[in-house]
Amino acid sequence: MNLSITGHHLEVTPAIREYIQTKMARVLRHFDHVINTQVMLSVEPLKHRAEITLHLSGKDIHCEAMEENLYASIDLLVDKIDRKVIQHKNRTQNHAHIAVKRQVFEAA
C-alpha cells in the first residue's frame, strides 16, 4: 500500500506521519486490498481538517473530518474510514455469498 501524506498550510512532521501510519494499520487489519492511500491535512481558522481517499480495486472511498485539534481530527477520520471499509468488505462478501447460494438452490 502506498501512503501519501500532504499538508495544506501545515508542515507534516515525522510525529504526525508516524501517528497516521499507526492509525491506518487498524484499517489494514480489516481489509488488506488497499492499492493507494492519500491523506490531506489542512489548517483553517479554528479548525483542523483531515481528508483521506482510499483507492481499492473497483472503488474509491473518501472521508473527511474537522475538529479543533489535528490529532482529534485524525482519530475521527480513521474511525469513519474504518467503518466505511468494513461496510465495503461486508458488501463484497455478501454479494459473492448470494451468488453461490443461488447457484446451489437452482441446481437442486
C-alpha atoms as a PDB file:
ATOM      1  CA  MET A   1       0.000   0.000   0.000  1.00  0.00           C
ATOM      2  CA  ASN A   2       1.267   3.441  -0.911  1.00  0.00           C
ATOM      3  CA  LEU A   3       0.589   6.065   1.751  1.00  0.00           C
ATOM      4  CA  SER A   4       0.846   9.699   0.676  1.00  0.00           C
ATOM      5  CA  ILE A   5       0.510  12.365   3.382  1.00  0.00           C
ATOM      6  CA  THR A   6       0.368  16.026   2.374  1.00  0.00           C
ATOM      7  CA  GLY A   7      -0.286  19.212   4.292  1.00  0.00           C
ATOM      8  CA  HIS A   8      -2.029  22.388   3.196  1.00  0.00           C
ATOM      9  CA  HIS A   9      -0.844  25.397   5.241  1.00  0.00           C
ATOM     10  CA  LEU A  10       0.757  22.817   7.507  1.00  0.00           C
ATOM     11  CA  GLU A  11       4.119  21.104   7.750  1.00  0.00           C
ATOM     12  CA  VAL A  12       3.785  17.342   8.129  1.00  0.00           C
ATOM     13  CA  THR A  13       6.174  16.406  10.914  1.00  0.00           C
ATOM     14  CA  PRO A  14       7.584  12.921  11.453  1.00  0.00           C
ATOM     15  CA  ALA A  15       5.413  12.618  14.587  1.00  0.00           C
ATOM     16  CA  ILE A  16       2.228  13.283  12.590  1.00  0.00           C
ATOM     17  CA  ARG A  17       3.368  10.879   9.866  1.00  0.00           C
ATOM     18  CA  GLU A  18       4.056   8.151  12.444  1.00  0.00           C
ATOM     19  CA  TYR A  19       0.680   8.767  14.140  1.00  0.00           C
ATOM     20  CA  ILE A  20      -1.192   8.394  10.833  1.00  0.00           C
ATOM     21  CA  GLN A  21       0.703   5.227   9.915  1.00  0.00           C
ATOM     22  CA  THR A  22      -0.102   3.573  13.245  1.00  0.00           C
ATOM     23  CA  LYS A  23      -3.770   4.539  12.966  1.00  0.00           C
ATOM     24  CA  MET A  24      -4.003   3.279   9.365  1.00  0.00           C
ATOM     25  CA  ALA A  25      -2.686  -0.114  10.497  1.00  0.00           C
ATOM     26  CA  ARG A  26      -6.097  -0.657  12.113  1.00  0.00           C
ATOM     27  CA  VAL A  27      -7.847  -0.145   8.779  1.00  0.00           C
ATOM     28  CA  LEU A  28      -5.484  -2.539   7.027  1.00  0.00           C
ATOM     29  CA  ARG A  29      -6.228  -5.174   9.651  1.00  0.00           C
ATOM     30  CA  HIS A  30      -9.813  -5.331   8.381  1.00  0.00           C
ATOM     31  CA  PHE A  31      -9.135  -5.036   4.661  1.00  0.00           C
ATOM     32  CA  ASP A  32      -5.764  -5.538   3.003  1.00  0.00           C
ATOM     33  CA  HIS A  33      -6.707  -4.918  -0.661  1.00  0.00           C
ATOM     34  CA  VAL A  34      -5.882  -1.210  -0.499  1.00  0.00           C
ATOM     35  CA  ILE A  35      -3.947  -0.024  -3.556  1.00  0.00           C
ATOM     36  CA  ASN A  36      -3.218   3.593  -2.682  1.00  0.00           C
ATOM     37  CA  THR A  37      -3.989   5.960   0.195  1.00  0.00           C
ATOM     38  CA  GLN A  38      -3.875   9.749   0.094  1.00  0.00           C
ATOM     39  CA  VAL A  39      -4.161  11.782   3.304  1.00  0.00           C
ATOM     40  CA  MET A  40      -4.566  15.561   3.149  1.00  0.00           C
ATOM     41  CA  LEU A  41      -4.189  17.629   6.331  1.00  0.00           C
ATOM     42  CA  SER A  42      -5.086  21.306   6.370  1.00  0.00           C
ATOM     43  CA  VAL A  43      -5.454  24.107   8.874  1.00  0.00           C
ATOM     44  CA  GLU A  44      -8.336  26.556   8.697  1.00  0.00           C
ATOM     45  CA  PRO A  45      -9.193  29.238  11.250  1.00  0.00           C
ATOM     46  CA  LEU A  46     -10.087  27.415  14.496  1.00  0.00           C
ATOM     47  CA  LYS A  47     -10.466  24.059  12.690  1.00  0.00           C
ATOM     48  CA  HIS A  48      -8.137  21.306  11.555  1.00  0.00           C
ATOM     49  CA  ARG A  49      -9.299  19.241   8.603  1.00  0.00           C
ATOM     50  CA  ALA A  50      -8.179  15.742   7.711  1.00  0.00           C
ATOM     51  CA  GLU A  51      -9.235  14.054   4.474  1.00  0.00           C
ATOM     52  CA  ILE A  52      -8.474  10.591   3.171  1.00  0.00           C
ATOM     53  CA  THR A  53      -9.023   8.800  -0.111  1.00  0.00           C
ATOM     54  CA  LEU A  54      -8.553   5.037  -0.275  1.00  0.00           C
ATOM     55  CA  HIS A  55      -8.174   3.535  -3.736  1.00  0.00           C
ATOM     56  CA  LEU A  56      -9.448  -0.032  -3.739  1.00  0.00           C
ATOM     57  CA  SER A  57      -9.871  -2.353  -6.668  1.00  0.00           C
ATOM     58  CA  GLY A  58     -13.093  -1.140  -8.270  1.00  0.00           C
ATOM     59  CA  LYS A  59     -13.895   1.629  -5.780  1.00  0.00           C
ATOM     60  CA  ASP A  60     -12.575   4.789  -4.160  1.00  0.00           C
ATOM     61  CA  ILE A  61     -13.580   5.630  -0.587  1.00  0.00           C
ATOM     62  CA  HIS A  62     -13.342   9.226   0.618  1.00  0.00           C
ATOM     63  CA  CYS A  63     -13.858  10.632   4.127  1.00  0.00           C
ATOM     64  CA  GLU A  64     -13.148  13.901   5.870  1.00  0.00           C
ATOM     65  CA  ALA A  65     -13.237  15.134   9.452  1.00  0.00           C
ATOM     66  CA  MET A  66     -12.927  18.539  11.121  1.00  0.00           C
ATOM     67  CA  GLU A  67     -12.017  19.153  14.757  1.00  0.00           C
ATOM     68  CA  GLU A  68     -10.309  21.802  16.856  1.00  0.00           C
ATOM     69  CA  ASN A  69      -7.243  19.581  17.317  1.00  0.00           C
ATOM     70  CA  LEU A  70      -5.298  17.905  14.485  1.00  0.00           C
ATOM     71  CA  TYR A  71      -4.864  14.626  16.338  1.00  0.00           C
ATOM     72  CA  ALA A  72      -8.575  14.538  17.209  1.00  0.00           C
ATOM     73  CA  SER A  73      -9.488  15.075  13.558  1.00  0.00           C
ATOM     74  CA  ILE A  74      -7.148  12.231  12.538  1.00  0.00           C
ATOM     75  CA  ASP A  75      -8.781   9.957  15.148  1.00  0.00           C
ATOM     76  CA  LEU A  76     -12.259  10.827  13.906  1.00  0.00           C
ATOM     77  CA  LEU A  77     -11.161  10.343  10.305  1.00  0.00           C
ATOM     78  CA  VAL A  78      -9.725   6.894  10.975  1.00  0.00           C
ATOM     79  CA  ASP A  79     -12.931   5.877  12.774  1.00  0.00           C
ATOM     80  CA  LYS A  80     -15.012   6.968   9.773  1.00  0.00           C
ATOM     81  CA  ILE A  81     -12.817   5.293   7.177  1.00  0.00           C
ATOM     82  CA  ASP A  82     -12.689   2.114   9.253  1.00  0.00           C
ATOM     83  CA  ARG A  83     -16.492   1.922   9.305  1.00  0.00           C
ATOM     84  CA  LYS A  84     -16.670   2.532   5.549  1.00  0.00           C
ATOM     85  CA  VAL A  85     -14.043  -0.113   4.813  1.00  0.00           C
ATOM     86  CA  ILE A  86     -15.923  -2.653   6.935  1.00  0.00           C
ATOM     87  CA  GLN A  87     -19.152  -1.777   5.065  1.00  0.00           C
ATOM     88  CA  HIS A  88     -17.401  -2.240   1.722  1.00  0.00           C
ATOM     89  CA  LYS A  89     -15.914  -5.546   2.830  1.00  0.00           C
ATOM     90  CA  ASN A  90     -19.307  -6.816   4.015  1.00  0.00           C
ATOM     91  CA  ARG A  91     -20.968  -5.781   0.764  1.00  0.00           C
ATOM     92  CA  THR A  92     -18.417  -7.534  -1.388  1.00  0.00           C
ATOM     93  CA  GLN A  93     -18.526 -10.690   0.724  1.00  0.00           C
ATOM     94  CA  ASN A  94     -22.337 -10.769   0.858  1.00  0.00           C
ATOM     95  CA  HIS A  95     -22.700 -10.384  -2.911  1.00  0.00           C
ATOM     96  CA  ALA A  96     -20.332 -13.278  -3.527  1.00  0.00           C
ATOM     97  CA  HIS A  97     -22.185 -15.355  -0.951  1.00  0.00           C
ATOM     98  CA  ILE A  98     -25.601 -14.687  -2.517  1.00  0.00           C
ATOM     99  CA  ALA A  99     -24.417 -15.742  -5.987  1.00  0.00           C
ATOM    100  CA  VAL A 100     -23.151 -19.075  -4.634  1.00  0.00           C
ATOM    101  CA  LYS A 101     -26.405 -19.703  -2.740  1.00  0.00           C
ATOM    102  CA  ARG A 102     -28.453 -19.018  -5.877  1.00  0.00           C
ATOM    103  CA  GLN A 103     -26.407 -21.463  -7.912  1.00  0.00           C
ATOM    104  CA  VAL A 104     -26.758 -24.181  -5.285  1.00  0.00           C
ATOM    105  CA  PHE A 105     -30.513 -23.573  -4.998  1.00  0.00           C
ATOM    106  CA  GLU A 106     -31.066 -23.612  -8.772  1.00  0.00           C
ATOM    107  CA  ALA A 107     -29.025 -26.800  -9.180  1.00  0.00           C
ATOM    108  CA  ALA A 108     -31.127 -28.688  -6.640  1.00  0.00           C
END
